[in-house]
Amino acid sequence: MKFSGFSIKWKILFLVLLGPVVIAVSLDWQRIDDIRSGVEKTIISKSAGIVLMAEAKESGYTFRAPKVKPRNPQNSTTNLEKDMLAELASKNLSKKTIQGSSLTFQSLKQAGDNPHV
């Protein structure tokens, strides 16, 4: 049976039903691509952190994530870290570097994490 053998009523009905299906498939394809690229970015970000921690350990540095209420006791704050966390929270800063020191305090709020401050 050829497409030209159908009446105009059936052809219009076919086109009306085909339009939303094409749009839905196109939007689904875009969403899958967005999810896939987001996952890739997350994996790369987490991998970079793991590599950074491993390199720091090899160089004799320690990597900690100090918090006021840490789940990991190794991340308990020193007095200096408590002051810096309080300053980050009170002044709504995203980052603070102490001159003459290798210390950099960075708030995790920008990345959407909760630094437990």
C-alpha atoms as a PDB file:
ATOM      1  CA  MET A   1       0.000   0.000   0.000  1.00  0.00           C
ATOM      2  CA  LYS A   2       1.389   3.376  -1.042  1.00  0.00           C
ATOM      3  CA  PHE A   3       1.206   6.596   0.936  1.00  0.00           C
ATOM      4  CA  SER A   4      -0.621   8.234  -1.968  1.00  0.00           C
ATOM      5  CA  GLY A   5      -3.422   5.679  -1.585  1.00  0.00           C
ATOM      6  CA  PHE A   6      -4.535   7.133   1.767  1.00  0.00           C
ATOM      7  CA  SER A   7      -7.146   9.843   1.999  1.00  0.00           C
ATOM      8  CA  ILE A   8      -6.167  13.386   3.025  1.00  0.00           C
ATOM      9  CA  LYS A   9      -7.777  12.807   6.434  1.00  0.00           C
ATOM     10  CA  TRP A  10      -5.373   9.936   7.235  1.00  0.00           C
ATOM     11  CA  LYS A  11      -2.361  11.837   5.920  1.00  0.00           C
ATOM     12  CA  ILE A  12      -3.132  14.829   8.170  1.00  0.00           C
ATOM     13  CA  LEU A  13      -3.705  12.534  11.160  1.00  0.00           C
ATOM     14  CA  PHE A  14      -0.370  10.821  10.484  1.00  0.00           C
ATOM     15  CA  LEU A  15       1.479  14.164  10.335  1.00  0.00           C
ATOM     16  CA  VAL A  16      -0.247  15.449  13.493  1.00  0.00           C
ATOM     17  CA  LEU A  17       0.821  12.332  15.406  1.00  0.00           C
ATOM     18  CA  LEU A  18       4.329  12.242  13.926  1.00  0.00           C
ATOM     19  CA  GLY A  19       5.241  15.833  14.951  1.00  0.00           C
ATOM     20  CA  PRO A  20       5.132  15.351  18.741  1.00  0.00           C
ATOM     21  CA  VAL A  21       6.924  12.009  18.438  1.00  0.00           C
ATOM     22  CA  VAL A  22       9.798  13.626  16.519  1.00  0.00           C
ATOM     23  CA  ILE A  23      10.005  16.467  19.059  1.00  0.00           C
ATOM     24  CA  ALA A  24       9.950  14.020  22.000  1.00  0.00           C
ATOM     25  CA  VAL A  25      12.730  11.902  20.501  1.00  0.00           C
ATOM     26  CA  SER A  26      14.810  15.024  19.836  1.00  0.00           C
ATOM     27  CA  LEU A  27      14.369  16.318  23.409  1.00  0.00           C
ATOM     28  CA  ASP A  28      15.151  12.884  24.851  1.00  0.00           C
ATOM     29  CA  TRP A  29      18.341  12.704  22.816  1.00  0.00           C
ATOM     30  CA  GLN A  30      19.402  16.169  24.081  1.00  0.00           C
ATOM     31  CA  ARG A  31      18.692  15.240  27.705  1.00  0.00           C
ATOM     32  CA  ILE A  32      20.685  12.022  27.456  1.00  0.00           C
ATOM     33  CA  ASP A  33      23.590  13.995  25.994  1.00  0.00           C
ATOM     34  CA  ASP A  34      23.364  16.544  28.856  1.00  0.00           C
ATOM     35  CA  ILE A  35      23.411  13.782  31.459  1.00  0.00           C
ATOM     36  CA  ARG A  36      26.334  12.061  29.786  1.00  0.00           C
ATOM     37  CA  SER A  37      28.438  15.255  29.638  1.00  0.00           C
ATOM     38  CA  GLY A  38      27.578  16.089  33.267  1.00  0.00           C
ATOM     39  CA  VAL A  39      28.715  12.649  34.396  1.00  0.00           C
ATOM     40  CA  GLU A  40      31.984  13.035  32.496  1.00  0.00           C
ATOM     41  CA  LYS A  41      32.656  16.406  34.156  1.00  0.00           C
ATOM     42  CA  THR A  42      31.921  14.964  37.595  1.00  0.00           C
ATOM     43  CA  ILE A  43      34.212  11.986  37.070  1.00  0.00           C
ATOM     44  CA  ILE A  44      37.033  14.236  35.858  1.00  0.00           C
ATOM     45  CA  SER A  45      36.570  16.570  38.835  1.00  0.00           C
ATOM     46  CA  LYS A  46      36.592  13.728  41.383  1.00  0.00           C
ATOM     47  CA  SER A  47      39.572  12.074  39.675  1.00  0.00           C
ATOM     48  CA  ALA A  48      41.535  15.329  39.805  1.00  0.00           C
ATOM     49  CA  GLY A  49      40.915  15.535  43.551  1.00  0.00           C
ATOM     50  CA  ILE A  50      42.093  11.965  44.085  1.00  0.00           C
ATOM     51  CA  VAL A  51      45.247  12.578  42.041  1.00  0.00           C
ATOM     52  CA  LEU A  52      45.924  15.826  43.927  1.00  0.00           C
ATOM     53  CA  MET A  53      45.620  14.055  47.281  1.00  0.00           C
ATOM     54  CA  ALA A  54      47.938  11.237  46.135  1.00  0.00           C
ATOM     55  CA  GLU A  55      50.565  13.689  44.856  1.00  0.00           C
ATOM     56  CA  ALA A  56      50.357  15.727  48.064  1.00  0.00           C
ATOM     57  CA  LYS A  57      50.916  12.583  50.143  1.00  0.00           C
ATOM     58  CA  GLU A  58      53.968  11.630  48.052  1.00  0.00           C
ATOM     59  CA  SER A  59      55.402  15.128  48.566  1.00  0.00           C
ATOM     60  CA  GLY A  60      54.942  15.004  52.330  1.00  0.00           C
ATOM     61  CA  TYR A  61      51.873  17.263  52.488  1.00  0.00           C
ATOM     62  CA  THR A  62      48.620  16.414  54.157  1.00  0.00           C
ATOM     63  CA  PHE A  63      45.264  17.079  52.585  1.00  0.00           C
ATOM     64  CA  ARG A  64      42.445  17.788  54.992  1.00  0.00           C
ATOM     65  CA  ALA A  65      38.956  19.214  54.777  1.00  0.00           C
ATOM     66  CA  PRO A  66      38.557  20.981  58.151  1.00  0.00           C
ATOM     67  CA  LYS A  67      35.000  21.355  59.369  1.00  0.00           C
ATOM     68  CA  VAL A  68      33.413  22.603  62.561  1.00  0.00           C
ATOM     69  CA  LYS A  69      31.434  19.361  62.925  1.00  0.00           C
ATOM     70  CA  PRO A  70      33.497  16.766  61.027  1.00  0.00           C
ATOM     71  CA  ARG A  71      32.347  13.224  60.431  1.00  0.00           C
ATOM     72  CA  ASN A  72      36.001  12.207  60.111  1.00  0.00           C
ATOM     73  CA  PRO A  73      37.970  13.044  63.298  1.00  0.00           C
ATOM     74  CA  GLN A  74      41.069  13.749  61.183  1.00  0.00           C
ATOM     75  CA  ASN A  75      39.245  16.813  59.820  1.00  0.00           C
ATOM     76  CA  SER A  76      38.807  18.434  63.236  1.00  0.00           C
ATOM     77  CA  THR A  77      39.781  22.094  63.123  1.00  0.00           C
ATOM     78  CA  THR A  78      42.735  23.826  64.705  1.00  0.00           C
ATOM     79  CA  ASN A  79      42.231  27.285  66.223  1.00  0.00           C
ATOM     80  CA  LEU A  80      43.500  28.943  63.020  1.00  0.00           C
ATOM     81  CA  GLU A  81      41.165  26.842  60.889  1.00  0.00           C
ATOM     82  CA  LYS A  82      38.194  27.654  63.158  1.00  0.00           C
ATOM     83  CA  ASP A  83      38.900  31.364  62.733  1.00  0.00           C
ATOM     84  CA  MET A  84      39.214  31.014  58.947  1.00  0.00           C
ATOM     85  CA  LEU A  85      36.003  28.987  58.629  1.00  0.00           C
ATOM     86  CA  ALA A  86      34.150  31.545  60.732  1.00  0.00           C
ATOM     87  CA  GLU A  87      35.511  34.375  58.572  1.00  0.00           C
ATOM     88  CA  LEU A  88      34.550  32.570  55.349  1.00  0.00           C
ATOM     89  CA  ALA A  89      31.016  32.117  56.669  1.00  0.00           C
ATOM     90  CA  SER A  90      30.554  35.590  58.190  1.00  0.00           C
ATOM     91  CA  LYS A  91      31.945  37.531  55.210  1.00  0.00           C
ATOM     92  CA  ASN A  92      30.452  35.132  52.639  1.00  0.00           C
ATOM     93  CA  LEU A  93      33.889  34.588  51.077  1.00  0.00           C
ATOM     94  CA  SER A  94      34.568  31.773  48.644  1.00  0.00           C
ATOM     95  CA  LYS A  95      38.347  31.754  49.156  1.00  0.00           C
ATOM     96  CA  LYS A  96      41.007  33.229  51.451  1.00  0.00           C
ATOM     97  CA  THR A  97      44.766  32.872  51.125  1.00  0.00           C
ATOM     98  CA  ILE A  98      47.069  33.671  54.019  1.00  0.00           C
ATOM     99  CA  GLN A  99      50.177  35.483  52.741  1.00  0.00           C
ATOM    100  CA  GLY A 100      53.523  34.018  53.701  1.00  0.00           C
ATOM    101  CA  SER A 101      51.965  30.633  54.163  1.00  0.00           C
ATOM    102  CA  SER A 102      51.002  27.722  51.967  1.00  0.00           C
ATOM    103  CA  LEU A 103      47.524  27.697  53.505  1.00  0.00           C
ATOM    104  CA  THR A 104      44.510  28.375  51.346  1.00  0.00           C
ATOM    105  CA  PHE A 105      41.022  28.140  52.765  1.00  0.00           C
ATOM    106  CA  GLN A 106      38.264  27.709  50.261  1.00  0.00           C
ATOM    107  CA  SER A 107      34.576  27.520  50.886  1.00  0.00           C
ATOM    108  CA  LEU A 108      32.761  24.593  49.306  1.00  0.00           C
ATOM    109  CA  LYS A 109      29.484  26.490  49.111  1.00  0.00           C
ATOM    110  CA  GLN A 110      30.104  27.531  45.496  1.00  0.00           C
ATOM    111  CA  ALA A 111      30.318  23.920  44.405  1.00  0.00           C
ATOM    112  CA  GLY A 112      27.028  23.198  46.119  1.00  0.00           C
ATOM    113  CA  ASP A 113      28.591  21.208  48.928  1.00  0.00           C
ATOM    114  CA  ASN A 114      27.844  21.840  52.570  1.00  0.00           C
ATOM    115  CA  PRO A 115      31.077  22.592  54.461  1.00  0.00           C
ATOM    116  CA  HIS A 116      29.272  21.997  57.797  1.00  0.00           C
ATOM    117  CA  VAL A 117      30.062  25.523  59.015  1.00  0.00           C
END
